[in-house]
Amino acid sequence: MKWIIIATLVALSTASAKAYIYNYVCKDHGKPSPLKVDDTQSTLEWKGATYKIKENPDCAKFGWHAEKDGASFDFCTATQGYAAIEQNGAEIQCDLKRR
């Protein structure tokens, strides 16, 4: 009986520690391009490049700071699936891709 309780507690704790994949469509100069955040791998894929990410507490709701080979930008989410890339003073608007 003790092992069943322990196994149940372990299963519940791992189930609550979920990581997610988020798919967005971002419009850069009117041209749409996919953006994918993989919280499991701590990566962001955009325009053929894969960036390492870490959580960004400066975002209004939630977001990440992406870095690769000296290039970096912030990707911040807002409400209702809206997000934006903030890079070199410019903002690129993104929308969460619905399944």
PDB file of N, CA and C in Angstrom:
ATOM      1  N   MET A   1       0.823  -1.191   0.000  1.00  0.00           N
ATOM      2  CA  MET A   1       0.000   0.000   0.000  1.00  0.00           C
ATOM      3  C   MET A   1       0.870   1.259   0.000  1.00  0.00           C
ATOM      4  N   LYS A   2       1.967   1.216   0.745  1.00  0.00           N
ATOM      5  CA  LYS A   2       2.868   2.357   0.824  1.00  0.00           C
ATOM      6  C   LYS A   2       3.443   2.698  -0.555  1.00  0.00           C
ATOM      7  N   TRP A   3       3.786   1.676  -1.334  1.00  0.00           N
ATOM      8  CA  TRP A   3       4.353   1.887  -2.672  1.00  0.00           C
ATOM      9  C   TRP A   3       3.345   2.497  -3.628  1.00  0.00           C
ATOM     10  N   ILE A   4       2.082   2.158  -3.475  1.00  0.00           N
ATOM     11  CA  ILE A   4       1.040   2.724  -4.331  1.00  0.00           C
ATOM     12  C   ILE A   4       0.905   4.222  -4.064  1.00  0.00           C
ATOM     13  N   ILE A   5       0.949   4.605  -2.806  1.00  0.00           N
ATOM     14  CA  ILE A   5       0.855   6.016  -2.444  1.00  0.00           C
ATOM     15  C   ILE A   5       2.059   6.783  -2.983  1.00  0.00           C
ATOM     16  N   ILE A   6       3.239   6.231  -2.826  1.00  0.00           N
ATOM     17  CA  ILE A   6       4.456   6.881  -3.327  1.00  0.00           C
ATOM     18  C   ILE A   6       4.413   7.002  -4.846  1.00  0.00           C
ATOM     19  N   ALA A   7       4.014   5.947  -5.530  1.00  0.00           N
ATOM     20  CA  ALA A   7       3.931   5.978  -6.986  1.00  0.00           C
ATOM     21  C   ALA A   7       2.913   7.020  -7.454  1.00  0.00           C
ATOM     22  N   THR A   8       1.804   7.134  -6.755  1.00  0.00           N
ATOM     23  CA  THR A   8       0.782   8.119  -7.104  1.00  0.00           C
ATOM     24  C   THR A   8       1.310   9.536  -6.918  1.00  0.00           C
ATOM     25  N   LEU A   9       2.009   9.790  -5.824  1.00  0.00           N
ATOM     26  CA  LEU A   9       2.572  11.117  -5.582  1.00  0.00           C
ATOM     27  C   LEU A   9       3.624  11.488  -6.628  1.00  0.00           C
ATOM     28  N   VAL A  10       4.445  10.547  -7.013  1.00  0.00           N
ATOM     29  CA  VAL A  10       5.448  10.794  -8.048  1.00  0.00           C
ATOM     30  C   VAL A  10       4.766  11.092  -9.381  1.00  0.00           C
ATOM     31  N   ALA A  11       3.745  10.328  -9.727  1.00  0.00           N
ATOM     32  CA  ALA A  11       3.019  10.546 -10.978  1.00  0.00           C
ATOM     33  C   ALA A  11       2.356  11.919 -10.993  1.00  0.00           C
ATOM     34  N   LEU A  12       1.781  12.321  -9.891  1.00  0.00           N
ATOM     35  CA  LEU A  12       1.131  13.633  -9.821  1.00  0.00           C
ATOM     36  C   LEU A  12       2.132  14.767  -9.916  1.00  0.00           C
ATOM     37  N   SER A  13       3.292  14.617  -9.301  1.00  0.00           N
ATOM     38  CA  SER A  13       4.282  15.689  -9.348  1.00  0.00           C
ATOM     39  C   SER A  13       4.876  15.837 -10.743  1.00  0.00           C
ATOM     40  N   THR A  14       5.063  14.754 -11.471  1.00  0.00           N
ATOM     41  CA  THR A  14       5.579  14.861 -12.829  1.00  0.00           C
ATOM     42  C   THR A  14       4.517  15.355 -13.780  1.00  0.00           C
ATOM     43  N   ALA A  15       3.275  15.055 -13.532  1.00  0.00           N
ATOM     44  CA  ALA A  15       2.200  15.527 -14.402  1.00  0.00           C
ATOM     45  C   ALA A  15       2.037  17.039 -14.290  1.00  0.00           C
ATOM     46  N   SER A  16       2.299  17.607 -13.140  1.00  0.00           N
ATOM     47  CA  SER A  16       2.134  19.038 -12.969  1.00  0.00           C
ATOM     48  C   SER A  16       3.309  19.828 -13.533  1.00  0.00           C
ATOM     49  N   ALA A  17       4.434  19.188 -13.780  1.00  0.00           N
ATOM     50  CA  ALA A  17       5.606  19.864 -14.311  1.00  0.00           C
ATOM     51  C   ALA A  17       5.646  19.743 -15.826  1.00  0.00           C
ATOM     52  N   LYS A  18       4.618  20.236 -16.476  1.00  0.00           N
ATOM     53  CA  LYS A  18       4.524  20.133 -17.931  1.00  0.00           C
ATOM     54  C   LYS A  18       5.330  21.221 -18.607  1.00  0.00           C
ATOM     55  N   ALA A  19       5.845  20.905 -19.750  1.00  0.00           N
ATOM     56  CA  ALA A  19       6.473  21.891 -20.610  1.00  0.00           C
ATOM     57  C   ALA A  19       5.629  21.961 -21.876  1.00  0.00           C
ATOM     58  N   TYR A  20       5.674  23.078 -22.510  1.00  0.00           N
ATOM     59  CA  TYR A  20       4.785  23.302 -23.635  1.00  0.00           C
ATOM     60  C   TYR A  20       5.530  23.714 -24.891  1.00  0.00           C
ATOM     61  N   ILE A  21       4.847  23.521 -26.018  1.00  0.00           N
ATOM     62  CA  ILE A  21       5.301  24.030 -27.300  1.00  0.00           C
ATOM     63  C   ILE A  21       4.250  25.026 -27.764  1.00  0.00           C
ATOM     64  N   TYR A  22       4.707  26.229 -28.101  1.00  0.00           N
ATOM     65  CA  TYR A  22       3.820  27.289 -28.553  1.00  0.00           C
ATOM     66  C   TYR A  22       4.152  27.611 -29.999  1.00  0.00           C
ATOM     67  N   ASN A  23       3.142  27.676 -30.850  1.00  0.00           N
ATOM     68  CA  ASN A  23       3.319  28.016 -32.259  1.00  0.00           C
ATOM     69  C   ASN A  23       2.638  29.342 -32.554  1.00  0.00           C
ATOM     70  N   TYR A  24       3.392  30.263 -33.128  1.00  0.00           N
ATOM     71  CA  TYR A  24       2.901  31.589 -33.469  1.00  0.00           C
ATOM     72  C   TYR A  24       3.119  31.850 -34.956  1.00  0.00           C
ATOM     73  N   VAL A  25       2.404  32.838 -35.468  1.00  0.00           N
ATOM     74  CA  VAL A  25       2.653  33.367 -36.800  1.00  0.00           C
ATOM     75  C   VAL A  25       2.980  34.843 -36.601  1.00  0.00           C
ATOM     76  N   CYS A  26       4.178  35.248 -37.036  1.00  0.00           N
ATOM     77  CA  CYS A  26       4.634  36.626 -36.853  1.00  0.00           C
ATOM     78  C   CYS A  26       4.695  37.317 -38.209  1.00  0.00           C
ATOM     79  N   LYS A  27       4.291  38.581 -38.239  1.00  0.00           N
ATOM     80  CA  LYS A  27       4.326  39.352 -39.486  1.00  0.00           C
ATOM     81  C   LYS A  27       5.446  40.371 -39.410  1.00  0.00           C
ATOM     82  N   ASP A  28       6.489  40.103 -40.191  1.00  0.00           N
ATOM     83  CA  ASP A  28       7.641  40.987 -40.285  1.00  0.00           C
ATOM     84  C   ASP A  28       7.572  41.697 -41.630  1.00  0.00           C
ATOM     85  N   HIS A  29       7.341  42.997 -41.602  1.00  0.00           N
ATOM     86  CA  HIS A  29       7.153  43.796 -42.824  1.00  0.00           C
ATOM     87  C   HIS A  29       6.030  43.225 -43.691  1.00  0.00           C
ATOM     88  N   GLY A  30       4.961  42.778 -43.049  1.00  0.00           N
ATOM     89  CA  GLY A  30       3.791  42.261 -43.749  1.00  0.00           C
ATOM     90  C   GLY A  30       3.889  40.811 -44.189  1.00  0.00           C
ATOM     91  N   LYS A  31       5.063  40.214 -44.046  1.00  0.00           N
ATOM     92  CA  LYS A  31       5.267  38.838 -44.485  1.00  0.00           C
ATOM     93  C   LYS A  31       5.164  37.895 -43.282  1.00  0.00           C
ATOM     94  N   PRO A  32       4.218  36.931 -43.314  1.00  0.00           N
ATOM     95  CA  PRO A  32       4.077  36.012 -42.179  1.00  0.00           C
ATOM     96  C   PRO A  32       5.183  34.959 -42.136  1.00  0.00           C
ATOM     97  N   SER A  33       5.627  34.651 -40.926  1.00  0.00           N
ATOM     98  CA  SER A  33       6.600  33.573 -40.745  1.00  0.00           C
ATOM     99  C   SER A  33       6.299  32.865 -39.426  1.00  0.00           C
ATOM    100  N   PRO A  34       6.471  31.538 -39.396  1.00  0.00           N
ATOM    101  CA  PRO A  34       6.182  30.794 -38.169  1.00  0.00           C
ATOM    102  C   PRO A  34       7.255  31.019 -37.104  1.00  0.00           C
ATOM    103  N   LEU A  35       6.830  30.976 -35.862  1.00  0.00           N
ATOM    104  CA  LEU A  35       7.726  31.059 -34.715  1.00  0.00           C
ATOM    105  C   LEU A  35       7.289  29.970 -33.739  1.00  0.00           C
ATOM    106  N   LYS A  36       8.250  29.196 -33.246  1.00  0.00           N
ATOM    107  CA  LYS A  36       7.938  28.091 -32.349  1.00  0.00           C
ATOM    108  C   LYS A  36       8.786  28.208 -31.087  1.00  0.00           C
ATOM    109  N   VAL A  37       8.107  28.177 -29.938  1.00  0.00           N
ATOM    110  CA  VAL A  37       8.790  28.166 -28.643  1.00  0.00           C
ATOM    111  C   VAL A  37       8.626  26.764 -28.068  1.00  0.00           C
ATOM    112  N   ASP A  38       9.745  26.121 -27.761  1.00  0.00           N
ATOM    113  CA  ASP A  38       9.735  24.803 -27.134  1.00  0.00           C
ATOM    114  C   ASP A  38      10.266  24.961 -25.719  1.00  0.00           C
ATOM    115  N   ASP A  39       9.334  24.984 -24.782  1.00  0.00           N
ATOM    116  CA  ASP A  39       9.691  25.171 -23.375  1.00  0.00           C
ATOM    117  C   ASP A  39      10.479  23.978 -22.820  1.00  0.00           C
ATOM    118  N   THR A  40      10.304  22.800 -23.416  1.00  0.00           N
ATOM    119  CA  THR A  40      11.023  21.603 -22.983  1.00  0.00           C
ATOM    120  C   THR A  40      12.510  21.727 -23.302  1.00  0.00           C
ATOM    121  N   GLN A  41      12.799  22.172 -24.508  1.00  0.00           N
ATOM    122  CA  GLN A  41      14.187  22.288 -24.969  1.00  0.00           C
ATOM    123  C   GLN A  41      14.798  23.660 -24.681  1.00  0.00           C
ATOM    124  N   SER A  42      13.968  24.601 -24.193  1.00  0.00           N
ATOM    125  CA  SER A  42      14.390  25.992 -23.982  1.00  0.00           C
ATOM    126  C   SER A  42      14.927  26.603 -25.267  1.00  0.00           C
ATOM    127  N   THR A  43      14.132  26.431 -26.348  1.00  0.00           N
ATOM    128  CA  THR A  43      14.521  26.966 -27.649  1.00  0.00           C
ATOM    129  C   THR A  43      13.372  27.739 -28.282  1.00  0.00           C
ATOM    130  N   LEU A  44      13.739  28.649 -29.169  1.00  0.00           N
ATOM    131  CA  LEU A  44      12.801  29.394 -29.988  1.00  0.00           C
ATOM    132  C   LEU A  44      13.304  29.299 -31.416  1.00  0.00           C
ATOM    133  N   GLU A  45      12.442  28.872 -32.330  1.00  0.00           N
ATOM    134  CA  GLU A  45      12.803  28.767 -33.743  1.00  0.00           C
ATOM    135  C   GLU A  45      12.065  29.843 -34.517  1.00  0.00           C
ATOM    136  N   TRP A  46      12.832  30.624 -35.293  1.00  0.00           N
ATOM    137  CA  TRP A  46      12.232  31.697 -36.087  1.00  0.00           C
ATOM    138  C   TRP A  46      13.143  32.014 -37.264  1.00  0.00           C
ATOM    139  N   LYS A  47      12.562  32.102 -38.440  1.00  0.00           N
ATOM    140  CA  LYS A  47      13.280  32.434 -39.679  1.00  0.00           C
ATOM    141  C   LYS A  47      14.498  31.537 -39.896  1.00  0.00           C
ATOM    142  N   GLY A  48      14.333  30.245 -39.652  1.00  0.00           N
ATOM    143  CA  GLY A  48      15.382  29.273 -39.919  1.00  0.00           C
ATOM    144  C   GLY A  48      16.496  29.210 -38.885  1.00  0.00           C
ATOM    145  N   ALA A  49      16.378  29.962 -37.817  1.00  0.00           N
ATOM    146  CA  ALA A  49      17.408  29.953 -36.773  1.00  0.00           C
ATOM    147  C   ALA A  49      16.805  29.439 -35.463  1.00  0.00           C
ATOM    148  N   THR A  50      17.617  28.770 -34.668  1.00  0.00           N
ATOM    149  CA  THR A  50      17.192  28.275 -33.366  1.00  0.00           C
ATOM    150  C   THR A  50      17.951  29.037 -32.285  1.00  0.00           C
ATOM    151  N   TYR A  51      17.202  29.665 -31.405  1.00  0.00           N
ATOM    152  CA  TYR A  51      17.750  30.477 -30.326  1.00  0.00           C
ATOM    153  C   TYR A  51      17.564  29.763 -28.994  1.00  0.00           C
ATOM    154  N   LYS A  52      18.507  29.923 -28.085  1.00  0.00           N
ATOM    155  CA  LYS A  52      18.343  29.466 -26.701  1.00  0.00           C
ATOM    156  C   LYS A  52      17.535  30.541 -25.983  1.00  0.00           C
ATOM    157  N   ILE A  53      16.616  30.106 -25.125  1.00  0.00           N
ATOM    158  CA  ILE A  53      15.768  31.074 -24.426  1.00  0.00           C
ATOM    159  C   ILE A  53      15.827  30.898 -22.914  1.00  0.00           C
ATOM    160  N   LYS A  54      15.536  31.990 -22.237  1.00  0.00           N
ATOM    161  CA  LYS A  54      15.330  31.957 -20.797  1.00  0.00           C
ATOM    162  C   LYS A  54      14.160  32.896 -20.501  1.00  0.00           C
ATOM    163  N   GLU A  55      13.454  32.624 -19.411  1.00  0.00           N
ATOM    164  CA  GLU A  55      12.292  33.437 -19.068  1.00  0.00           C
ATOM    165  C   GLU A  55      12.705  34.891 -18.891  1.00  0.00           C
ATOM    166  N   ASN A  56      11.811  35.780 -19.317  1.00  0.00           N
ATOM    167  CA  ASN A  56      12.070  37.206 -19.226  1.00  0.00           C
ATOM    168  C   ASN A  56      11.052  37.841 -18.280  1.00  0.00           C
ATOM    169  N   PRO A  57      11.458  38.215 -17.080  1.00  0.00           N
ATOM    170  CA  PRO A  57      10.521  38.800 -16.115  1.00  0.00           C
ATOM    171  C   PRO A  57      10.071  40.214 -16.489  1.00  0.00           C
ATOM    172  N   ASP A  58      10.718  40.844 -17.473  1.00  0.00           N
ATOM    173  CA  ASP A  58      10.353  42.197 -17.879  1.00  0.00           C
ATOM    174  C   ASP A  58       9.127  42.236 -18.794  1.00  0.00           C
ATOM    175  N   CYS A  59       8.684  41.079 -19.279  1.00  0.00           N
ATOM    176  CA  CYS A  59       7.499  41.039 -20.130  1.00  0.00           C
ATOM    177  C   CYS A  59       6.254  41.270 -19.276  1.00  0.00           C
ATOM    178  N   ALA A  60       5.246  41.922 -19.876  1.00  0.00           N
ATOM    179  CA  ALA A  60       4.018  42.252 -19.145  1.00  0.00           C
ATOM    180  C   ALA A  60       3.309  41.007 -18.614  1.00  0.00           C
ATOM    181  N   LYS A  61       3.110  39.993 -19.458  1.00  0.00           N
ATOM    182  CA  LYS A  61       2.430  38.771 -19.009  1.00  0.00           C
ATOM    183  C   LYS A  61       3.453  37.655 -18.819  1.00  0.00           C
ATOM    184  N   PHE A  62       4.047  37.202 -19.894  1.00  0.00           N
ATOM    185  CA  PHE A  62       5.044  36.136 -19.857  1.00  0.00           C
ATOM    186  C   PHE A  62       5.886  36.245 -21.123  1.00  0.00           C
ATOM    187  N   GLY A  63       7.115  35.798 -21.065  1.00  0.00           N
ATOM    188  CA  GLY A  63       7.934  35.855 -22.267  1.00  0.00           C
ATOM    189  C   GLY A  63       9.326  35.310 -22.038  1.00  0.00           C
ATOM    190  N   TRP A  64      10.115  35.415 -23.088  1.00  0.00           N
ATOM    191  CA  TRP A  64      11.458  34.861 -23.084  1.00  0.00           C
ATOM    192  C   TRP A  64      12.438  35.843 -23.704  1.00  0.00           C
ATOM    193  N   HIS A  65      13.694  35.690 -23.330  1.00  0.00           N
ATOM    194  CA  HIS A  65      14.794  36.397 -23.980  1.00  0.00           C
ATOM    195  C   HIS A  65      15.520  35.357 -24.823  1.00  0.00           C
ATOM    196  N   ALA A  66      15.632  35.621 -26.127  1.00  0.00           N
ATOM    197  CA  ALA A  66      16.250  34.675 -27.059  1.00  0.00           C
ATOM    198  C   ALA A  66      17.642  35.160 -27.452  1.00  0.00           C
ATOM    199  N   GLU A  67      18.593  34.217 -27.508  1.00  0.00           N
ATOM    200  CA  GLU A  67      19.974  34.548 -27.875  1.00  0.00           C
ATOM    201  C   GLU A  67      20.578  33.484 -28.776  1.00  0.00           C
ATOM    202  N   LYS A  68      21.362  33.963 -29.747  1.00  0.00           N
ATOM    203  CA  LYS A  68      22.119  33.052 -30.616  1.00  0.00           C
ATOM    204  C   LYS A  68      23.249  33.847 -31.268  1.00  0.00           C
ATOM    205  N   ASP A  69      24.467  33.377 -31.120  1.00  0.00           N
ATOM    206  CA  ASP A  69      25.637  33.968 -31.775  1.00  0.00           C
ATOM    207  C   ASP A  69      25.696  35.494 -31.646  1.00  0.00           C
ATOM    208  N   GLY A  70      25.448  36.004 -30.458  1.00  0.00           N
ATOM    209  CA  GLY A  70      25.535  37.450 -30.232  1.00  0.00           C
ATOM    210  C   GLY A  70      24.274  38.229 -30.580  1.00  0.00           C
ATOM    211  N   ALA A  71      23.353  37.616 -31.318  1.00  0.00           N
ATOM    212  CA  ALA A  71      22.079  38.272 -31.633  1.00  0.00           C
ATOM    213  C   ALA A  71      21.078  37.925 -30.543  1.00  0.00           C
ATOM    214  N   SER A  72      20.245  38.889 -30.178  1.00  0.00           N
ATOM    215  CA  SER A  72      19.248  38.611 -29.145  1.00  0.00           C
ATOM    216  C   SER A  72      18.011  39.473 -29.353  1.00  0.00           C
ATOM    217  N   PHE A  73      16.905  39.006 -28.802  1.00  0.00           N
ATOM    218  CA  PHE A  73      15.662  39.774 -28.800  1.00  0.00           C
ATOM    219  C   PHE A  73      14.752  39.228 -27.716  1.00  0.00           C
ATOM    220  N   ASP A  74      13.735  40.010 -27.385  1.00  0.00           N
ATOM    221  CA  ASP A  74      12.731  39.594 -26.406  1.00  0.00           C
ATOM    222  C   ASP A  74      11.467  39.188 -27.144  1.00  0.00           C
ATOM    223  N   PHE A  75      10.851  38.117 -26.681  1.00  0.00           N
ATOM    224  CA  PHE A  75       9.571  37.648 -27.208  1.00  0.00           C
ATOM    225  C   PHE A  75       8.602  37.635 -26.036  1.00  0.00           C
ATOM    226  N   CYS A  76       7.662  38.572 -26.037  1.00  0.00           N
ATOM    227  CA  CYS A  76       6.735  38.733 -24.914  1.00  0.00           C
ATOM    228  C   CYS A  76       5.308  38.431 -25.343  1.00  0.00           C
ATOM    229  N   THR A  77       4.579  37.730 -24.484  1.00  0.00           N
ATOM    230  CA  THR A  77       3.179  37.433 -24.762  1.00  0.00           C
ATOM    231  C   THR A  77       2.297  38.443 -24.037  1.00  0.00           C
ATOM    232  N   ALA A  78       1.077  38.556 -24.532  1.00  0.00           N
ATOM    233  CA  ALA A  78       0.085  39.431 -23.908  1.00  0.00           C
ATOM    234  C   ALA A  78      -1.180  38.608 -23.711  1.00  0.00           C
ATOM    235  N   THR A  79      -2.316  39.164 -24.005  1.00  0.00           N
ATOM    236  CA  THR A  79      -3.572  38.442 -23.820  1.00  0.00           C
ATOM    237  C   THR A  79      -4.136  37.970 -25.154  1.00  0.00           C
ATOM    238  N   GLN A  80      -5.040  37.028 -25.080  1.00  0.00           N
ATOM    239  CA  GLN A  80      -5.785  36.530 -26.246  1.00  0.00           C
ATOM    240  C   GLN A  80      -4.889  36.039 -27.381  1.00  0.00           C
ATOM    241  N   GLY A  81      -3.721  35.476 -27.048  1.00  0.00           N
ATOM    242  CA  GLY A  81      -2.850  34.889 -28.061  1.00  0.00           C
ATOM    243  C   GLY A  81      -1.934  35.862 -28.763  1.00  0.00           C
ATOM    244  N   TYR A  82      -1.950  37.128 -28.366  1.00  0.00           N
ATOM    245  CA  TYR A  82      -1.076  38.124 -28.982  1.00  0.00           C
ATOM    246  C   TYR A  82       0.303  38.068 -28.339  1.00  0.00           C
ATOM    247  N   ALA A  83       1.334  38.270 -29.145  1.00  0.00           N
ATOM    248  CA  ALA A  83       2.709  38.343 -28.656  1.00  0.00           C
ATOM    249  C   ALA A  83       3.479  39.283 -29.574  1.00  0.00           C
ATOM    250  N   ALA A  84       4.683  39.627 -29.178  1.00  0.00           N
ATOM    251  CA  ALA A  84       5.495  40.514 -30.005  1.00  0.00           C
ATOM    252  C   ALA A  84       6.968  40.234 -29.782  1.00  0.00           C
ATOM    253  N   ILE A  85       7.728  40.446 -30.851  1.00  0.00           N
ATOM    254  CA  ILE A  85       9.186  40.394 -30.792  1.00  0.00           C
ATOM    255  C   ILE A  85       9.666  41.831 -30.682  1.00  0.00           C
ATOM    256  N   GLU A  86      10.514  42.088 -29.723  1.00  0.00           N
ATOM    257  CA  GLU A  86      11.106  43.415 -29.564  1.00  0.00           C
ATOM    258  C   GLU A  86      12.596  43.286 -29.859  1.00  0.00           C
ATOM    259  N   GLN A  87      13.004  43.871 -30.995  1.00  0.00           N
ATOM    260  CA  GLN A  87      14.390  43.725 -31.423  1.00  0.00           C
ATOM    261  C   GLN A  87      14.879  45.046 -32.011  1.00  0.00           C
ATOM    262  N   ASN A  88      15.956  45.569 -31.459  1.00  0.00           N
ATOM    263  CA  ASN A  88      16.563  46.814 -31.935  1.00  0.00           C
ATOM    264  C   ASN A  88      15.555  47.957 -32.033  1.00  0.00           C
ATOM    265  N   GLY A  89      14.676  48.068 -31.058  1.00  0.00           N
ATOM    266  CA  GLY A  89      13.702  49.148 -31.033  1.00  0.00           C
ATOM    267  C   GLY A  89      12.481  48.932 -31.914  1.00  0.00           C
ATOM    268  N   ALA A  90      12.448  47.855 -32.669  1.00  0.00           N
ATOM    269  CA  ALA A  90      11.303  47.562 -33.534  1.00  0.00           C
ATOM    270  C   ALA A  90      10.448  46.475 -32.896  1.00  0.00           C
ATOM    271  N   GLU A  91       9.147  46.504 -33.220  1.00  0.00           N
ATOM    272  CA  GLU A  91       8.230  45.491 -32.696  1.00  0.00           C
ATOM    273  C   GLU A  91       7.594  44.729 -33.856  1.00  0.00           C
ATOM    274  N   ILE A  92       7.661  43.416 -33.776  1.00  0.00           N
ATOM    275  CA  ILE A  92       7.041  42.527 -34.768  1.00  0.00           C
ATOM    276  C   ILE A  92       5.897  41.825 -34.090  1.00  0.00           C
ATOM    277  N   GLN A  93       4.694  41.950 -34.629  1.00  0.00           N
ATOM    278  CA  GLN A  93       3.501  41.379 -34.017  1.00  0.00           C
ATOM    279  C   GLN A  93       3.331  39.913 -34.383  1.00  0.00           C
ATOM    280  N   CYS A  94       2.898  39.119 -33.384  1.00  0.00           N
ATOM    281  CA  CYS A  94       2.699  37.683 -33.562  1.00  0.00           C
ATOM    282  C   CYS A  94       1.342  37.268 -32.983  1.00  0.00           C
ATOM    283  N   ASP A  95       0.755  36.245 -33.563  1.00  0.00           N
ATOM    284  CA  ASP A  95      -0.487  35.692 -33.060  1.00  0.00           C
ATOM    285  C   ASP A  95      -0.320  34.202 -32.833  1.00  0.00           C
ATOM    286  N   LEU A  96      -0.855  33.737 -31.710  1.00  0.00           N
ATOM    287  CA  LEU A  96      -0.816  32.311 -31.384  1.00  0.00           C
ATOM    288  C   LEU A  96      -1.598  31.543 -32.439  1.00  0.00           C
ATOM    289  N   LYS A  97      -0.996  30.513 -32.971  1.00  0.00           N
ATOM    290  CA  LYS A  97      -1.647  29.680 -33.969  1.00  0.00           C
ATOM    291  C   LYS A  97      -2.595  28.725 -33.257  1.00  0.00           C
ATOM    292  N   ARG A  98      -3.847  28.801 -33.582  1.00  0.00           N
ATOM    293  CA  ARG A  98      -4.853  27.931 -32.966  1.00  0.00           C
ATOM    294  C   ARG A  98      -4.847  26.588 -33.674  1.00  0.00           C
ATOM    295  N   ARG A  99      -5.086  25.539 -32.917  1.00  0.00           N
ATOM    296  CA  ARG A  99      -5.081  24.188 -33.483  1.00  0.00           C
ATOM    297  C   ARG A  99      -6.257  23.943 -34.331  1.00  0.00           C
TER     298      ARG A  99
END
